[in-house]
Amino acid sequence: MFNQMMRAAVLAGPERIEVKQVPVPDVGPGMIEIAVKACGVCGSDVHMWKAGHGWGPMAQAKDFIMGHEFCGVVTHPCDGPFEVGERVTFWANLYCGECDMCRAGQEQLCREVNGQNYMGFVCDGAYAERFVGPWRNAYRLPDTVSDVAAGLIDPLMVAYHAVRRSGIRLHERVLVVGGGIIGQLTAELAKKAGASFVALSKVSEIKTQRARELGVFDAYFDGNAPDRAKQFHEATDGGFDIAIEAVGSGHALATCLDAVRPGGKIIMIGNSIAPEIPFAMNRAVLQEISLIGSVSCTRVEFEETIDLIAKGMIDPTRYVTEVLPLEGLQHAFERQTDPNDPALKFVVKP
């Protein structure tokens, strides 16, 4: 018996995406097949695109399929609780469900995941006409959540978890360092959580074009300014209560340390390409600055993120630069990495 074929945008080598005909994966026990309707383009995909491979042995193979921010319509439910025709989205976290972290409801800290075990990273993802994966990672989509909006649930869940980790209170002042999609979504949620002043520290004026159009931020700072610490403190009468690091670099973390008041908090979302980055430890110690890591979200928070969109509390589609076909994925990556292009977020519709 021959497998049905499908179109997929495969990672054929460093900085090279090719659209090919590939077999649709088999649907075994515990799995579900969907027709993919939308898939967001993530910064992590850009890193894999540059390297020419995914993470782990399976993802090193030729013609790896990325894509982990997606939704679709059920075409084969197998033994799961879904029906043909239902709209679903997926949480890419391949948590084990059995370790101490999972049993405590902290699936983002699953011992088997360790920040790496995600769909589209270690196994084929959804830059394709069909996707087959574990049905326990699928969630029904309300009609009030469009396909394009579902393509942004993943970055929104990261922002939502970070804001919850920050414990933002009414009238607090927040600095976001990094104007990417997660930084901008975090800023909007910080405002909705009660922050009275939300500012952006950026190093590229071009990449902040969409942020200025949407008007989420109250102020903008040049992260490269030699007197940035003085500017931060003057604008806030002593420093920000919370700084959110959404880049993953030593420079961005140093900016956060310059920005927060004594006793303030730094929420670290960004993933560093380098395994280690230096930081001013004495400043953190002597000023009792809290450094708080934040990754992904819990299973419950993923459901709540869907609800944020469904109830109209936030419209993530405002941040979308362009919706493209599979053939446009290579173009999307090229634009994402062009420092002179204001592109913020792309969504692919196979």
C-alpha atoms as a PDB file:
ATOM      1  CA  MET A   1       0.000   0.000   0.000  1.00  0.00           C
ATOM      2  CA  PHE A   2       1.412   3.366  -1.056  1.00  0.00           C
ATOM      3  CA  ASN A   3       1.275   6.398   1.202  1.00  0.00           C
ATOM      4  CA  GLN A   4      -0.753   9.364   0.076  1.00  0.00           C
ATOM      5  CA  MET A   5       1.479  12.247  -0.987  1.00  0.00           C
ATOM      6  CA  MET A   6       1.373  15.877   0.124  1.00  0.00           C
ATOM      7  CA  ARG A   7       3.135  19.147  -0.557  1.00  0.00           C
ATOM      8  CA  ALA A   8       5.587  20.260   2.138  1.00  0.00           C
ATOM      9  CA  ALA A   9       8.124  23.054   2.526  1.00  0.00           C
ATOM     10  CA  VAL A  10      11.207  21.107   3.576  1.00  0.00           C
ATOM     11  CA  LEU A  11      14.505  22.294   5.021  1.00  0.00           C
ATOM     12  CA  ALA A  12      16.830  21.101   2.276  1.00  0.00           C
ATOM     13  CA  GLY A  13      20.029  22.689   3.631  1.00  0.00           C
ATOM     14  CA  PRO A  14      21.361  25.861   5.263  1.00  0.00           C
ATOM     15  CA  GLU A  15      19.089  28.785   4.334  1.00  0.00           C
ATOM     16  CA  ARG A  16      17.287  26.667   1.728  1.00  0.00           C
ATOM     17  CA  ILE A  17      13.587  25.793   1.732  1.00  0.00           C
ATOM     18  CA  GLU A  18      12.163  23.680  -1.102  1.00  0.00           C
ATOM     19  CA  VAL A  19       8.528  22.734  -1.692  1.00  0.00           C
ATOM     20  CA  LYS A  20       8.343  19.022  -2.503  1.00  0.00           C
ATOM     21  CA  GLN A  21       5.943  16.102  -2.675  1.00  0.00           C
ATOM     22  CA  VAL A  22       6.501  13.876   0.380  1.00  0.00           C
ATOM     23  CA  PRO A  23       4.539  10.969   1.895  1.00  0.00           C
ATOM     24  CA  VAL A  24       1.804  11.747   4.407  1.00  0.00           C
ATOM     25  CA  PRO A  25       2.904  10.115   7.712  1.00  0.00           C
ATOM     26  CA  ASP A  26       1.042   7.051   8.935  1.00  0.00           C
ATOM     27  CA  VAL A  27      -1.566   7.596  11.644  1.00  0.00           C
ATOM     28  CA  GLY A  28      -0.921   5.155  14.483  1.00  0.00           C
ATOM     29  CA  PRO A  29      -2.445   4.727  17.942  1.00  0.00           C
ATOM     30  CA  GLY A  30      -2.480   7.945  19.962  1.00  0.00           C
ATOM     31  CA  MET A  31      -2.030  10.033  16.819  1.00  0.00           C
ATOM     32  CA  ILE A  32      -4.256  12.338  14.782  1.00  0.00           C
ATOM     33  CA  GLU A  33      -4.069  13.690  11.223  1.00  0.00           C
ATOM     34  CA  ILE A  34      -5.116  17.200  10.249  1.00  0.00           C
ATOM     35  CA  ALA A  35      -5.249  19.270   7.091  1.00  0.00           C
ATOM     36  CA  VAL A  36      -3.042  22.232   8.022  1.00  0.00           C
ATOM     37  CA  LYS A  37      -4.790  25.587   7.593  1.00  0.00           C
ATOM     38  CA  ALA A  38      -2.187  28.001   9.008  1.00  0.00           C
ATOM     39  CA  CYS A  39       1.283  27.890  10.537  1.00  0.00           C
ATOM     40  CA  GLY A  40       3.177  30.809  12.055  1.00  0.00           C
ATOM     41  CA  VAL A  41       6.824  31.473  11.230  1.00  0.00           C
ATOM     42  CA  CYS A  42       8.854  31.539  14.461  1.00  0.00           C
ATOM     43  CA  GLY A  43      12.279  32.983  15.267  1.00  0.00           C
ATOM     44  CA  SER A  44      13.380  29.507  16.338  1.00  0.00           C
ATOM     45  CA  ASP A  45      12.591  28.318  12.809  1.00  0.00           C
ATOM     46  CA  VAL A  46      14.919  31.027  11.520  1.00  0.00           C
ATOM     47  CA  HIS A  47      17.775  29.583  13.614  1.00  0.00           C
ATOM     48  CA  MET A  48      17.139  26.086  12.209  1.00  0.00           C
ATOM     49  CA  TRP A  49      16.841  27.506   8.689  1.00  0.00           C
ATOM     50  CA  LYS A  50      20.263  29.095   9.051  1.00  0.00           C
ATOM     51  CA  ALA A  51      21.769  25.853  10.390  1.00  0.00           C
ATOM     52  CA  GLY A  52      20.081  23.667   7.788  1.00  0.00           C
ATOM     53  CA  HIS A  53      18.697  21.139  10.278  1.00  0.00           C
ATOM     54  CA  GLY A  54      16.468  20.733  13.303  1.00  0.00           C
ATOM     55  CA  TRP A  55      17.307  19.500  16.796  1.00  0.00           C
ATOM     56  CA  GLY A  56      18.174  15.888  17.572  1.00  0.00           C
ATOM     57  CA  PRO A  57      18.949  12.819  15.407  1.00  0.00           C
ATOM     58  CA  MET A  58      15.609  12.603  13.573  1.00  0.00           C
ATOM     59  CA  ALA A  59      15.690  16.295  12.690  1.00  0.00           C
ATOM     60  CA  GLN A  60      19.175  16.018  11.176  1.00  0.00           C
ATOM     61  CA  ALA A  61      17.750  14.070   8.247  1.00  0.00           C
ATOM     62  CA  LYS A  62      17.460  15.609   4.813  1.00  0.00           C
ATOM     63  CA  ASP A  63      14.151  17.310   4.016  1.00  0.00           C
ATOM     64  CA  PHE A  64      13.165  18.021   7.609  1.00  0.00           C
ATOM     65  CA  ILE A  65       9.804  19.800   8.003  1.00  0.00           C
ATOM     66  CA  MET A  66       9.700  22.642  10.535  1.00  0.00           C
ATOM     67  CA  GLY A  67       6.627  24.518  11.809  1.00  0.00           C
ATOM     68  CA  HIS A  68       5.168  24.354  15.318  1.00  0.00           C
ATOM     69  CA  GLU A  69       2.642  27.239  15.517  1.00  0.00           C
ATOM     70  CA  PHE A  70      -0.285  25.742  13.630  1.00  0.00           C
ATOM     71  CA  CYS A  71      -3.915  24.754  13.353  1.00  0.00           C
ATOM     72  CA  GLY A  72      -6.027  22.690  11.016  1.00  0.00           C
ATOM     73  CA  VAL A  73      -9.068  20.506  10.432  1.00  0.00           C
ATOM     74  CA  VAL A  74      -9.186  16.880  11.606  1.00  0.00           C
ATOM     75  CA  THR A  75      -9.040  14.426   8.703  1.00  0.00           C
ATOM     76  CA  HIS A  76      -8.236  11.226  10.645  1.00  0.00           C
ATOM     77  CA  PRO A  77      -8.943  11.152  14.425  1.00  0.00           C
ATOM     78  CA  CYS A  78      -7.744   7.541  14.904  1.00  0.00           C
ATOM     79  CA  ASP A  79      -8.447   6.610  18.567  1.00  0.00           C
ATOM     80  CA  GLY A  80      -8.676  10.178  19.880  1.00  0.00           C
ATOM     81  CA  PRO A  81     -11.665  12.178  21.165  1.00  0.00           C
ATOM     82  CA  PHE A  82     -11.972  14.327  18.021  1.00  0.00           C
ATOM     83  CA  GLU A  83     -14.222  14.046  14.988  1.00  0.00           C
ATOM     84  CA  VAL A  84     -13.512  14.538  11.311  1.00  0.00           C
ATOM     85  CA  GLY A  85     -14.032  18.203  10.422  1.00  0.00           C
ATOM     86  CA  GLU A  86     -13.264  19.661  13.868  1.00  0.00           C
ATOM     87  CA  ARG A  87     -10.865  22.612  13.985  1.00  0.00           C
ATOM     88  CA  VAL A  88      -7.890  22.117  16.309  1.00  0.00           C
ATOM     89  CA  THR A  89      -4.617  23.723  17.257  1.00  0.00           C
ATOM     90  CA  PHE A  90      -1.583  22.024  18.777  1.00  0.00           C
ATOM     91  CA  TRP A  91       0.658  22.697  21.722  1.00  0.00           C
ATOM     92  CA  ALA A  92       4.093  21.737  20.383  1.00  0.00           C
ATOM     93  CA  ASN A  93       5.475  20.708  23.801  1.00  0.00           C
ATOM     94  CA  LEU A  94       6.045  16.918  23.732  1.00  0.00           C
ATOM     95  CA  TYR A  95       5.767  16.556  27.504  1.00  0.00           C
ATOM     96  CA  CYS A  96       5.840  13.076  29.039  1.00  0.00           C
ATOM     97  CA  GLY A  97       2.911  13.540  31.435  1.00  0.00           C
ATOM     98  CA  GLU A  98       4.550  11.260  34.014  1.00  0.00           C
ATOM     99  CA  CYS A  99       7.513  13.072  35.618  1.00  0.00           C
ATOM    100  CA  ASP A 100       7.292  15.128  38.795  1.00  0.00           C
ATOM    101  CA  MET A 101       7.032  18.397  36.863  1.00  0.00           C
ATOM    102  CA  CYS A 102       4.185  17.160  34.670  1.00  0.00           C
ATOM    103  CA  ARG A 103       2.320  15.742  37.671  1.00  0.00           C
ATOM    104  CA  ALA A 104       2.635  19.158  39.341  1.00  0.00           C
ATOM    105  CA  GLY A 105       1.040  20.886  36.327  1.00  0.00           C
ATOM    106  CA  GLN A 106       4.375  22.363  35.187  1.00  0.00           C
ATOM    107  CA  GLU A 107       4.526  20.618  31.825  1.00  0.00           C
ATOM    108  CA  GLN A 108       6.768  23.344  30.384  1.00  0.00           C
ATOM    109  CA  LEU A 109       9.450  22.055  32.773  1.00  0.00           C
ATOM    110  CA  CYS A 110       8.972  18.388  31.865  1.00  0.00           C
ATOM    111  CA  ARG A 111      12.135  16.376  32.527  1.00  0.00           C
ATOM    112  CA  GLU A 112      11.874  14.804  29.052  1.00  0.00           C
ATOM    113  CA  VAL A 113      11.463  18.129  27.261  1.00  0.00           C
ATOM    114  CA  ASN A 114      14.323  20.133  28.800  1.00  0.00           C
ATOM    115  CA  GLY A 115      13.449  23.140  26.638  1.00  0.00           C
ATOM    116  CA  GLN A 116      13.996  21.249  23.384  1.00  0.00           C
ATOM    117  CA  ASN A 117      11.527  18.422  22.775  1.00  0.00           C
ATOM    118  CA  TYR A 118       8.984  20.169  20.553  1.00  0.00           C
ATOM    119  CA  MET A 119       7.101  19.358  17.353  1.00  0.00           C
ATOM    120  CA  GLY A 120       8.833  20.936  14.396  1.00  0.00           C
ATOM    121  CA  PHE A 121      12.136  20.889  16.316  1.00  0.00           C
ATOM    122  CA  VAL A 122      12.875  17.188  16.932  1.00  0.00           C
ATOM    123  CA  CYS A 123      10.213  15.710  14.624  1.00  0.00           C
ATOM    124  CA  ASP A 124       8.437  16.900  11.501  1.00  0.00           C
ATOM    125  CA  GLY A 125       6.150  19.890  11.925  1.00  0.00           C
ATOM    126  CA  ALA A 126       3.400  21.608   9.975  1.00  0.00           C
ATOM    127  CA  TYR A 127       4.866  23.471   7.013  1.00  0.00           C
ATOM    128  CA  ALA A 128       2.895  20.976   4.943  1.00  0.00           C
ATOM    129  CA  GLU A 129      -0.587  20.141   3.703  1.00  0.00           C
ATOM    130  CA  ARG A 130      -0.994  17.451   6.368  1.00  0.00           C
ATOM    131  CA  PHE A 131       0.341  16.965   9.883  1.00  0.00           C
ATOM    132  CA  VAL A 132       0.294  13.826  12.021  1.00  0.00           C
ATOM    133  CA  GLY A 133       1.023  14.080  15.741  1.00  0.00           C
ATOM    134  CA  PRO A 134      -0.183  13.029  19.207  1.00  0.00           C
ATOM    135  CA  TRP A 135      -3.850  13.849  19.710  1.00  0.00           C
ATOM    136  CA  ARG A 136      -3.286  14.654  23.394  1.00  0.00           C
ATOM    137  CA  ASN A 137      -1.456  17.796  22.199  1.00  0.00           C
ATOM    138  CA  ALA A 138      -4.483  18.934  20.160  1.00  0.00           C
ATOM    139  CA  TYR A 139      -7.023  21.490  21.426  1.00  0.00           C
ATOM    140  CA  ARG A 140     -10.361  22.423  19.904  1.00  0.00           C
ATOM    141  CA  LEU A 141     -10.569  25.901  18.418  1.00  0.00           C
ATOM    142  CA  PRO A 142     -13.632  28.076  19.042  1.00  0.00           C
ATOM    143  CA  ASP A 143     -15.188  29.640  15.954  1.00  0.00           C
ATOM    144  CA  THR A 144     -14.140  33.063  17.273  1.00  0.00           C
ATOM    145  CA  VAL A 145     -10.458  32.142  16.764  1.00  0.00           C
ATOM    146  CA  SER A 146      -9.503  32.448  13.092  1.00  0.00           C
ATOM    147  CA  ASP A 147      -6.902  30.247  11.423  1.00  0.00           C
ATOM    148  CA  VAL A 148      -4.429  33.143  11.230  1.00  0.00           C
ATOM    149  CA  ALA A 149      -4.988  34.010  14.897  1.00  0.00           C
ATOM    150  CA  ALA A 150      -4.366  30.360  15.797  1.00  0.00           C
ATOM    151  CA  GLY A 151      -1.000  30.686  14.048  1.00  0.00           C
ATOM    152  CA  LEU A 152      -0.022  33.161  16.784  1.00  0.00           C
ATOM    153  CA  ILE A 153      -1.211  31.205  19.832  1.00  0.00           C
ATOM    154  CA  ASP A 154       2.326  29.936  20.441  1.00  0.00           C
ATOM    155  CA  PRO A 155       4.066  33.342  20.803  1.00  0.00           C
ATOM    156  CA  LEU A 156       1.045  34.663  22.701  1.00  0.00           C
ATOM    157  CA  MET A 157       1.252  31.792  25.206  1.00  0.00           C
ATOM    158  CA  VAL A 158       4.929  32.632  25.804  1.00  0.00           C
ATOM    159  CA  ALA A 159       3.997  36.258  26.465  1.00  0.00           C
ATOM    160  CA  TYR A 160       1.084  35.251  28.696  1.00  0.00           C
ATOM    161  CA  HIS A 161       3.230  32.933  30.820  1.00  0.00           C
ATOM    162  CA  ALA A 162       5.924  35.608  31.159  1.00  0.00           C
ATOM    163  CA  VAL A 163       3.433  38.241  32.319  1.00  0.00           C
ATOM    164  CA  ARG A 164       2.018  35.807  34.877  1.00  0.00           C
ATOM    165  CA  ARG A 165       5.557  34.969  36.051  1.00  0.00           C
ATOM    166  CA  SER A 166       6.275  38.688  36.470  1.00  0.00           C
ATOM    167  CA  GLY A 167       3.398  39.228  38.884  1.00  0.00           C
ATOM    168  CA  ILE A 168       2.712  42.665  37.366  1.00  0.00           C
ATOM    169  CA  ARG A 169       0.587  44.818  39.649  1.00  0.00           C
ATOM    170  CA  LEU A 170      -1.548  47.861  38.951  1.00  0.00           C
ATOM    171  CA  HIS A 171       0.398  51.009  38.077  1.00  0.00           C
ATOM    172  CA  GLU A 172       3.790  49.292  37.757  1.00  0.00           C
ATOM    173  CA  ARG A 173       6.289  50.406  35.117  1.00  0.00           C
ATOM    174  CA  VAL A 174       7.553  47.848  32.624  1.00  0.00           C
ATOM    175  CA  LEU A 175      10.403  47.920  30.108  1.00  0.00           C
ATOM    176  CA  VAL A 176      10.466  45.411  27.269  1.00  0.00           C
ATOM    177  CA  VAL A 177      13.912  44.839  25.760  1.00  0.00           C
ATOM    178  CA  GLY A 178      13.464  43.501  22.250  1.00  0.00           C
ATOM    179  CA  GLY A 179      10.816  44.509  19.717  1.00  0.00           C
ATOM    180  CA  GLY A 180      10.091  41.111  18.172  1.00  0.00           C
ATOM    181  CA  ILE A 181       6.655  39.498  18.142  1.00  0.00           C
ATOM    182  CA  ILE A 182       6.963  38.073  21.669  1.00  0.00           C
ATOM    183  CA  GLY A 183       8.229  41.376  23.063  1.00  0.00           C
ATOM    184  CA  GLN A 184       5.326  43.251  21.505  1.00  0.00           C
ATOM    185  CA  LEU A 185       2.696  40.736  22.626  1.00  0.00           C
ATOM    186  CA  THR A 186       4.171  40.819  26.134  1.00  0.00           C
ATOM    187  CA  ALA A 187       3.882  44.612  26.151  1.00  0.00           C
ATOM    188  CA  GLU A 188       0.199  44.504  25.215  1.00  0.00           C
ATOM    189  CA  LEU A 189      -0.556  41.903  27.884  1.00  0.00           C
ATOM    190  CA  ALA A 190       1.420  43.907  30.478  1.00  0.00           C
ATOM    191  CA  LYS A 191      -0.835  46.874  29.753  1.00  0.00           C
ATOM    192  CA  LYS A 192      -3.928  44.732  30.114  1.00  0.00           C
ATOM    193  CA  ALA A 193      -2.541  43.337  33.392  1.00  0.00           C
ATOM    194  CA  GLY A 194      -2.391  46.841  34.874  1.00  0.00           C
ATOM    195  CA  ALA A 195       0.991  48.346  33.997  1.00  0.00           C
ATOM    196  CA  SER A 196       0.669  52.127  33.731  1.00  0.00           C
ATOM    197  CA  PHE A 197       3.833  52.734  31.712  1.00  0.00           C
ATOM    198  CA  VAL A 198       5.227  50.256  29.178  1.00  0.00           C
ATOM    199  CA  ALA A 199       8.342  51.191  27.207  1.00  0.00           C
ATOM    200  CA  LEU A 200      10.490  49.506  24.578  1.00  0.00           C
ATOM    201  CA  SER A 201      14.275  49.412  24.464  1.00  0.00           C
ATOM    202  CA  LYS A 202      15.342  48.741  20.890  1.00  0.00           C
ATOM    203  CA  VAL A 203      18.515  48.735  18.821  1.00  0.00           C
ATOM    204  CA  SER A 204      16.806  48.895  15.398  1.00  0.00           C
ATOM    205  CA  GLU A 205      14.411  51.657  14.456  1.00  0.00           C
ATOM    206  CA  ILE A 206      13.310  49.746  11.355  1.00  0.00           C
ATOM    207  CA  LYS A 207      12.106  46.720  13.318  1.00  0.00           C
ATOM    208  CA  THR A 208       9.892  48.907  15.565  1.00  0.00           C
ATOM    209  CA  GLN A 209       7.758  50.186  12.688  1.00  0.00           C
ATOM    210  CA  ARG A 210       4.802  47.915  13.481  1.00  0.00           C
ATOM    211  CA  ALA A 211       5.008  48.701  17.198  1.00  0.00           C
ATOM    212  CA  ARG A 212       4.714  52.412  16.485  1.00  0.00           C
ATOM    213  CA  GLU A 213       1.750  51.814  14.167  1.00  0.00           C
ATOM    214  CA  LEU A 214      -0.099  49.823  16.850  1.00  0.00           C
ATOM    215  CA  GLY A 215       0.716  52.275  19.644  1.00  0.00           C
ATOM    216  CA  VAL A 216       1.191  49.728  22.419  1.00  0.00           C
ATOM    217  CA  PHE A 217       4.311  51.352  23.896  1.00  0.00           C
ATOM    218  CA  ASP A 218       4.295  54.616  25.827  1.00  0.00           C
ATOM    219  CA  ALA A 219       7.953  55.406  25.127  1.00  0.00           C
ATOM    220  CA  TYR A 220      10.956  54.204  23.146  1.00  0.00           C
ATOM    221  CA  PHE A 221      14.605  54.081  24.206  1.00  0.00           C
ATOM    222  CA  ASP A 222      17.795  53.488  22.260  1.00  0.00           C
ATOM    223  CA  GLY A 223      19.371  50.418  23.836  1.00  0.00           C
ATOM    224  CA  ASN A 224      22.764  51.435  22.460  1.00  0.00           C
ATOM    225  CA  ALA A 225      22.742  54.924  24.017  1.00  0.00           C
ATOM    226  CA  PRO A 226      25.769  55.390  26.328  1.00  0.00           C
ATOM    227  CA  ASP A 227      23.540  57.158  28.879  1.00  0.00           C
ATOM    228  CA  ARG A 228      20.675  54.685  28.670  1.00  0.00           C
ATOM    229  CA  ALA A 229      20.683  54.016  32.444  1.00  0.00           C
ATOM    230  CA  LYS A 230      20.233  57.733  33.123  1.00  0.00           C
ATOM    231  CA  GLN A 231      17.413  57.947  30.578  1.00  0.00           C
ATOM    232  CA  PHE A 232      15.634  54.944  32.105  1.00  0.00           C
ATOM    233  CA  HIS A 233      15.819  56.346  35.628  1.00  0.00           C
ATOM    234  CA  GLU A 234      14.761  59.851  34.652  1.00  0.00           C
ATOM    235  CA  ALA A 235      11.745  58.570  32.723  1.00  0.00           C
ATOM    236  CA  THR A 236      10.547  56.448  35.657  1.00  0.00           C
ATOM    237  CA  ASP A 237      11.740  58.475  38.639  1.00  0.00           C
ATOM    238  CA  GLY A 238      14.171  55.804  39.799  1.00  0.00           C
ATOM    239  CA  GLY A 239      13.885  52.789  37.524  1.00  0.00           C
ATOM    240  CA  PHE A 240      11.415  50.300  36.098  1.00  0.00           C
ATOM    241  CA  ASP A 241       9.642  47.865  38.399  1.00  0.00           C
ATOM    242  CA  ILE A 242       9.972  45.094  35.821  1.00  0.00           C
ATOM    243  CA  ALA A 243      12.200  44.593  32.781  1.00  0.00           C
ATOM    244  CA  ILE A 244      11.440  41.842  30.269  1.00  0.00           C
ATOM    245  CA  GLU A 245      14.385  40.424  28.317  1.00  0.00           C
ATOM    246  CA  ALA A 246      12.999  39.186  24.997  1.00  0.00           C
ATOM    247  CA  VAL A 247      16.193  38.873  22.938  1.00  0.00           C
ATOM    248  CA  GLY A 248      18.508  36.308  24.520  1.00  0.00           C
ATOM    249  CA  SER A 249      21.776  38.259  24.584  1.00  0.00           C
ATOM    250  CA  GLY A 250      24.238  39.649  27.095  1.00  0.00           C
ATOM    251  CA  HIS A 251      23.600  43.152  25.787  1.00  0.00           C
ATOM    252  CA  ALA A 252      19.854  42.845  26.349  1.00  0.00           C
ATOM    253  CA  LEU A 253      20.327  41.481  29.876  1.00  0.00           C
ATOM    254  CA  ALA A 254      22.733  44.334  30.688  1.00  0.00           C
ATOM    255  CA  THR A 255      20.090  46.771  29.441  1.00  0.00           C
ATOM    256  CA  CYS A 256      17.571  45.230  31.842  1.00  0.00           C
ATOM    257  CA  LEU A 257      20.016  45.567  34.751  1.00  0.00           C
ATOM    258  CA  ASP A 258      20.520  49.234  33.865  1.00  0.00           C
ATOM    259  CA  ALA A 259      16.774  49.780  33.750  1.00  0.00           C
ATOM    260  CA  VAL A 260      15.280  48.242  36.888  1.00  0.00           C
ATOM    261  CA  ARG A 261      15.053  49.885  40.288  1.00  0.00           C
ATOM    262  CA  PRO A 262      16.591  48.265  43.400  1.00  0.00           C
ATOM    263  CA  GLY A 263      14.362  45.343  44.310  1.00  0.00           C
ATOM    264  CA  GLY A 264      13.017  45.146  40.766  1.00  0.00           C
ATOM    265  CA  LYS A 265      12.503  42.059  38.609  1.00  0.00           C
ATOM    266  CA  ILE A 266      13.936  40.885  35.307  1.00  0.00           C
ATOM    267  CA  ILE A 267      11.895  38.316  33.377  1.00  0.00           C
ATOM    268  CA  MET A 268      14.101  36.426  30.927  1.00  0.00           C
ATOM    269  CA  ILE A 269      12.259  35.042  27.897  1.00  0.00           C
ATOM    270  CA  GLY A 270      14.964  35.185  25.231  1.00  0.00           C
ATOM    271  CA  ASN A 271      16.909  32.067  24.316  1.00  0.00           C
ATOM    272  CA  SER A 272      20.630  32.657  23.875  1.00  0.00           C
ATOM    273  CA  ILE A 273      22.454  31.111  20.926  1.00  0.00           C
ATOM    274  CA  ALA A 274      25.593  31.049  23.092  1.00  0.00           C
ATOM    275  CA  PRO A 275      25.374  28.522  25.951  1.00  0.00           C
ATOM    276  CA  GLU A 276      26.549  31.158  28.460  1.00  0.00           C
ATOM    277  CA  ILE A 277      26.418  34.957  28.637  1.00  0.00           C
ATOM    278  CA  PRO A 278      28.123  37.211  31.216  1.00  0.00           C
ATOM    279  CA  PHE A 279      26.180  39.590  33.438  1.00  0.00           C
ATOM    280  CA  ALA A 280      26.826  42.026  36.295  1.00  0.00           C
ATOM    281  CA  MET A 281      26.217  39.613  39.162  1.00  0.00           C
ATOM    282  CA  ASN A 282      27.173  42.087  41.909  1.00  0.00           C
ATOM    283  CA  ARG A 283      24.546  44.560  40.750  1.00  0.00           C
ATOM    284  CA  ALA A 284      21.867  41.882  40.933  1.00  0.00           C
ATOM    285  CA  VAL A 285      23.038  40.821  44.393  1.00  0.00           C
ATOM    286  CA  LEU A 286      23.605  44.232  45.976  1.00  0.00           C
ATOM    287  CA  GLN A 287      20.361  45.678  44.614  1.00  0.00           C
ATOM    288  CA  GLU A 288      18.341  42.510  45.271  1.00  0.00           C
ATOM    289  CA  ILE A 289      17.205  42.264  41.663  1.00  0.00           C
ATOM    290  CA  SER A 290      15.223  39.111  40.931  1.00  0.00           C
ATOM    291  CA  LEU A 291      16.185  37.193  37.781  1.00  0.00           C
ATOM    292  CA  ILE A 292      13.252  35.036  36.680  1.00  0.00           C
ATOM    293  CA  GLY A 293      13.374  32.612  33.774  1.00  0.00           C
ATOM    294  CA  SER A 294      10.241  32.024  31.702  1.00  0.00           C
ATOM    295  CA  VAL A 295       9.726  29.346  29.058  1.00  0.00           C
ATOM    296  CA  SER A 296       6.662  28.286  27.080  1.00  0.00           C
ATOM    297  CA  CYS A 297       3.626  27.837  29.379  1.00  0.00           C
ATOM    298  CA  THR A 298       1.673  25.215  31.287  1.00  0.00           C
ATOM    299  CA  ARG A 299      -1.003  23.066  29.661  1.00  0.00           C
ATOM    300  CA  VAL A 300      -3.681  25.075  31.482  1.00  0.00           C
ATOM    301  CA  GLU A 301      -2.143  28.374  30.339  1.00  0.00           C
ATOM    302  CA  PHE A 302      -2.207  27.141  26.732  1.00  0.00           C
ATOM    303  CA  GLU A 303      -5.959  26.669  27.039  1.00  0.00           C
ATOM    304  CA  GLU A 304      -6.261  30.095  28.660  1.00  0.00           C
ATOM    305  CA  THR A 305      -4.286  31.659  25.798  1.00  0.00           C
ATOM    306  CA  ILE A 306      -6.817  30.286  23.320  1.00  0.00           C
ATOM    307  CA  ASP A 307      -9.550  31.783  25.498  1.00  0.00           C
ATOM    308  CA  LEU A 308      -7.855  35.215  25.501  1.00  0.00           C
ATOM    309  CA  ILE A 309      -8.331  35.332  21.723  1.00  0.00           C
ATOM    310  CA  ALA A 310     -11.753  33.685  21.729  1.00  0.00           C
ATOM    311  CA  LYS A 311     -13.130  36.212  24.245  1.00  0.00           C
ATOM    312  CA  GLY A 312     -11.710  39.170  22.294  1.00  0.00           C
ATOM    313  CA  MET A 313      -9.223  40.255  24.968  1.00  0.00           C
ATOM    314  CA  ILE A 314      -6.447  40.414  22.386  1.00  0.00           C
ATOM    315  CA  ASP A 315      -6.260  40.208  18.600  1.00  0.00           C
ATOM    316  CA  PRO A 316      -2.843  38.800  17.662  1.00  0.00           C
ATOM    317  CA  THR A 317      -3.555  39.120  13.936  1.00  0.00           C
ATOM    318  CA  ARG A 318      -2.764  42.840  14.273  1.00  0.00           C
ATOM    319  CA  TYR A 319       0.894  41.857  14.388  1.00  0.00           C
ATOM    320  CA  VAL A 320       0.898  39.798  11.179  1.00  0.00           C
ATOM    321  CA  THR A 321       2.998  41.272   8.374  1.00  0.00           C
ATOM    322  CA  GLU A 322       1.800  38.948   5.619  1.00  0.00           C
ATOM    323  CA  VAL A 323       0.028  35.630   5.003  1.00  0.00           C
ATOM    324  CA  LEU A 324       1.880  33.476   2.463  1.00  0.00           C
ATOM    325  CA  PRO A 325       1.552  30.112   0.669  1.00  0.00           C
ATOM    326  CA  LEU A 326       4.096  27.346   1.242  1.00  0.00           C
ATOM    327  CA  GLU A 327       6.091  28.666  -1.690  1.00  0.00           C
ATOM    328  CA  GLY A 328       6.576  31.930   0.214  1.00  0.00           C
ATOM    329  CA  LEU A 329       8.333  30.393   3.222  1.00  0.00           C
ATOM    330  CA  GLN A 330      11.854  30.914   1.856  1.00  0.00           C
ATOM    331  CA  HIS A 331      10.955  34.555   1.176  1.00  0.00           C
ATOM    332  CA  ALA A 332       9.617  34.907   4.741  1.00  0.00           C
ATOM    333  CA  PHE A 333      12.890  33.709   6.255  1.00  0.00           C
ATOM    334  CA  GLU A 334      14.899  36.022   4.045  1.00  0.00           C
ATOM    335  CA  ARG A 335      12.777  38.992   5.114  1.00  0.00           C
ATOM    336  CA  GLN A 336      12.912  37.998   8.799  1.00  0.00           C
ATOM    337  CA  THR A 337      16.712  38.103   8.709  1.00  0.00           C
ATOM    338  CA  ASP A 338      17.020  41.314   6.682  1.00  0.00           C
ATOM    339  CA  PRO A 339      17.964  44.130   9.101  1.00  0.00           C
ATOM    340  CA  ASN A 340      16.466  46.660   6.683  1.00  0.00           C
ATOM    341  CA  ASP A 341      13.060  44.965   6.519  1.00  0.00           C
ATOM    342  CA  PRO A 342      10.384  45.934   9.080  1.00  0.00           C
ATOM    343  CA  ALA A 343       8.697  42.512   8.808  1.00  0.00           C
ATOM    344  CA  LEU A 344       7.444  41.239  12.177  1.00  0.00           C
ATOM    345  CA  LYS A 345       5.391  38.062  11.750  1.00  0.00           C
ATOM    346  CA  PHE A 346       4.515  35.796   8.848  1.00  0.00           C
ATOM    347  CA  VAL A 347       1.849  33.101   8.684  1.00  0.00           C
ATOM    348  CA  VAL A 348       1.890  30.334   6.068  1.00  0.00           C
ATOM    349  CA  LYS A 349      -1.341  28.840   4.730  1.00  0.00           C
ATOM    350  CA  PRO A 350      -0.662  25.536   2.928  1.00  0.00           C
END
